[in-house]
Protein backbone atom coordinates (compact mmCIF):
# COMPACT_ATOMS: atom_id res chain seq x y z
CA MET A 1 92.96 89.94 105.96
CA ASP A 2 89.84 87.61 104.76
CA LYS A 3 89.46 83.93 106.33
CA ALA A 4 91.57 81.97 104.09
CA ALA A 5 94.87 84.28 104.58
CA PHE A 6 94.06 84.15 107.86
CA MET A 7 93.82 80.45 108.37
CA ALA A 8 96.83 79.85 105.96
CA LYS A 9 99.01 82.18 108.73
CA PHE A 10 97.90 81.01 111.50
CA GLY A 11 95.87 77.75 111.30
CA ALA A 12 98.44 76.00 112.43
CA VAL A 13 99.74 77.69 115.83
CA PHE A 14 97.82 75.03 117.50
CA GLU A 15 98.95 71.73 116.44
CA HIS A 16 96.30 69.84 114.05
CA SER A 17 94.20 72.06 115.55
CA PRO A 18 92.76 74.70 112.92
CA TRP A 19 89.91 75.52 114.77
CA VAL A 20 91.29 77.76 117.08
CA ALA A 21 92.64 79.95 114.23
CA ASP A 22 88.95 79.44 112.95
CA ALA A 23 87.52 80.42 116.20
CA VAL A 24 89.35 83.28 116.32
CA TYR A 25 88.85 84.36 112.73
CA GLY A 26 86.37 87.78 112.79
CA MET A 27 87.23 88.58 116.45
CA PRO A 28 87.63 92.41 116.99
CA ALA A 29 91.95 92.73 117.35
CA GLU A 30 94.78 94.11 115.91
CA LEU A 31 95.98 91.77 114.14
CA SER A 32 99.52 92.65 113.64
CA ASP A 33 99.90 92.89 117.32
CA ASP A 34 101.03 89.25 118.62
CA ALA A 35 100.53 90.19 122.29
CA SER A 36 96.73 90.83 121.86
CA LEU A 37 96.27 88.14 119.05
CA ALA A 38 97.90 85.34 120.84
CA ALA A 39 95.89 86.24 123.96
CA GLN A 40 92.73 85.90 121.99
CA PHE A 41 94.14 81.94 120.59
CA GLU A 42 95.01 81.74 124.44
CA SER A 43 91.51 82.65 125.32
CA VAL A 44 89.31 80.45 123.04
CA PHE A 45 91.38 77.84 123.54
CA LEU A 46 91.11 77.57 127.25
CA ALA A 47 87.52 78.37 126.79
CA SER A 48 87.02 75.83 125.01
CA ASP A 49 85.55 72.18 125.83
CA PRO A 50 87.39 70.09 127.60
CA ALA A 51 87.45 67.29 125.50
CA LEU A 52 87.93 69.33 122.31
CA GLN A 53 90.79 70.89 124.07
CA LEU A 54 92.28 67.21 125.15
CA SER A 55 92.05 66.44 120.85
CA THR A 56 94.26 69.18 120.82
CA LEU A 57 96.66 67.49 123.15
CA LYS A 58 96.54 64.70 121.86
CA ALA A 59 97.74 65.95 118.04
CA HIS A 60 100.87 67.02 119.59
CA PRO A 61 103.83 64.59 118.51
CA GLN A 62 106.30 62.93 121.38
CA LEU A 63 109.45 64.36 122.03
CA ALA A 64 112.29 62.66 120.18
CA CYS A 65 109.67 60.42 118.17
CA ALA A 66 111.32 61.73 114.76
CA LEU A 67 114.65 60.04 115.90
CA ALA A 68 112.91 56.76 117.04
CA ALA A 69 110.26 56.14 114.27
CA PRO A 70 109.27 58.11 111.31
CA VAL A 71 106.34 59.84 111.77
CA GLU A 72 104.47 62.83 110.43
CA LEU A 73 106.00 66.30 112.29
CA THR A 74 104.80 69.64 111.37
CA PRO A 75 107.28 71.79 110.26
CA ASP A 76 107.04 73.81 113.72
CA SER A 77 107.33 70.84 115.84
CA ILE A 78 110.80 69.81 113.92
CA ARG A 79 112.34 73.62 113.78
CA GLU A 80 111.22 73.53 117.64
CA GLN A 81 112.67 70.00 118.76
CA SER A 82 115.90 70.59 116.20
CA ASP A 83 116.25 74.25 118.10
CA ALA A 84 116.64 72.60 121.31
CA GLY A 85 119.09 69.98 120.44
CA ILE A 86 116.67 67.37 120.73
CA ASP A 87 117.79 65.83 117.25
CA GLN A 88 121.07 65.52 118.57
CA CYS A 89 120.13 63.17 121.80
CA THR A 90 122.94 60.34 122.60
CA VAL A 91 121.46 56.89 122.61
CA ALA A 92 120.80 57.18 126.22
CA GLU A 93 118.82 60.10 125.73
CA LEU A 94 116.63 58.64 122.92
CA ALA A 95 115.96 55.87 125.12
CA GLU A 96 115.02 57.97 128.32
CA PHE A 97 112.70 59.81 126.20
CA SER A 98 111.21 56.66 124.30
CA ARG A 99 110.57 55.17 128.31
CA LEU A 100 109.34 58.51 129.91
CA ASN A 101 107.13 59.25 126.88
CA THR A 102 105.49 55.54 127.29
CA ASP A 103 105.07 56.01 130.76
CA TYR A 104 103.43 59.77 130.48
CA ASN A 105 101.12 58.59 128.11
CA GLU A 106 100.51 55.49 129.62
CA LYS A 107 99.21 57.73 133.16
CA PHE A 108 98.17 60.60 131.48
CA GLY A 109 96.27 59.93 128.04
CA PHE A 110 98.08 62.43 126.23
CA PRO A 111 101.49 63.48 125.05
CA PHE A 112 103.74 65.24 127.32
CA ILE A 113 103.62 68.97 126.19
CA ILE A 114 105.96 71.67 126.63
CA ALA A 115 107.47 74.60 125.50
CA VAL A 116 110.93 74.02 124.27
CA LYS A 117 111.68 77.11 123.21
CA GLY A 118 115.24 78.32 124.60
CA ARG A 119 115.51 75.33 126.95
CA THR A 120 118.07 72.23 126.31
CA ARG A 121 116.78 68.78 125.96
CA GLN A 122 119.03 67.68 129.53
CA GLU A 123 116.33 70.55 130.83
CA ILE A 124 113.41 69.12 129.01
CA LEU A 125 114.25 65.38 130.19
CA LYS A 126 114.40 67.08 134.28
CA ILE A 127 111.24 68.69 133.61
CA PHE A 128 109.95 65.99 131.73
CA ARG A 129 110.54 63.57 134.81
CA GLU A 130 109.29 66.12 137.43
CA ARG A 131 106.06 66.29 135.43
CA LEU A 132 105.44 62.78 135.66
CA ASP A 133 104.85 63.12 139.55
CA ASN A 134 101.49 65.07 138.79
CA ASP A 135 98.33 64.28 138.96
CA LEU A 136 96.10 64.22 136.04
CA LYS A 137 94.05 67.31 137.02
CA LEU A 138 97.17 69.73 137.39
CA GLU A 139 98.85 67.83 134.40
CA PHE A 140 96.22 68.85 132.37
CA GLN A 141 96.17 72.02 133.36
CA THR A 142 99.82 72.53 132.90
CA ALA A 143 99.88 70.70 129.33
CA LEU A 144 97.03 73.57 128.68
CA GLN A 145 99.25 76.17 129.72
CA GLN A 146 102.03 74.53 127.48
CA ALA A 147 100.18 74.35 124.87
CA CYS A 148 99.49 78.21 124.45
CA ARG A 149 102.97 78.93 125.08
CA ILE A 150 103.77 77.27 122.03
CA ALA A 151 101.13 78.98 119.84
CA ARG A 152 102.03 81.95 121.54
CA PHE A 153 105.81 81.57 120.37
CA ARG A 154 104.66 80.75 117.10
CA ILE A 155 102.42 83.66 116.72
CA MET A 156 104.90 85.77 117.25
CA ASP A 157 107.32 84.18 115.14
CA ILE A 158 104.66 84.60 112.55
CA ILE A 159 104.45 88.35 113.22
CA ASN A 160 107.74 89.11 113.77
CA GLY A 161 109.77 86.99 110.92
């Protein structure tokens, strides 16, 4: 697969961060194997400069933000949040997401990141509340792992349809 095709296919697996796919392109791998390809993406991302990692974390949307304000979400983010039922929040849930988003961003300096696939909005809210108690070092690592998990799900979806 040439670079343009690879970037078109995998450039968006890390939110607004095509630099990860660019770094992975050309590395020896079985491109049809979602597990090895996802592992390469994860390895590149986790080995990158912390400032670059932070910029990728900051590129993630806030949860339920599409309901609260008109913002641009990637098609993947829209689908993932919708599949988790976040687009069906009650007024109280939307208010809680908004408050948690603000509190989290103020404390950590980047949006709350969680792979929502397979989770309900109630489960996500519970985890959101719990992670607010983390310190910055733990939460940064947790956010990196969740960004990798999101990318892994996206790679699996691309390869497996």
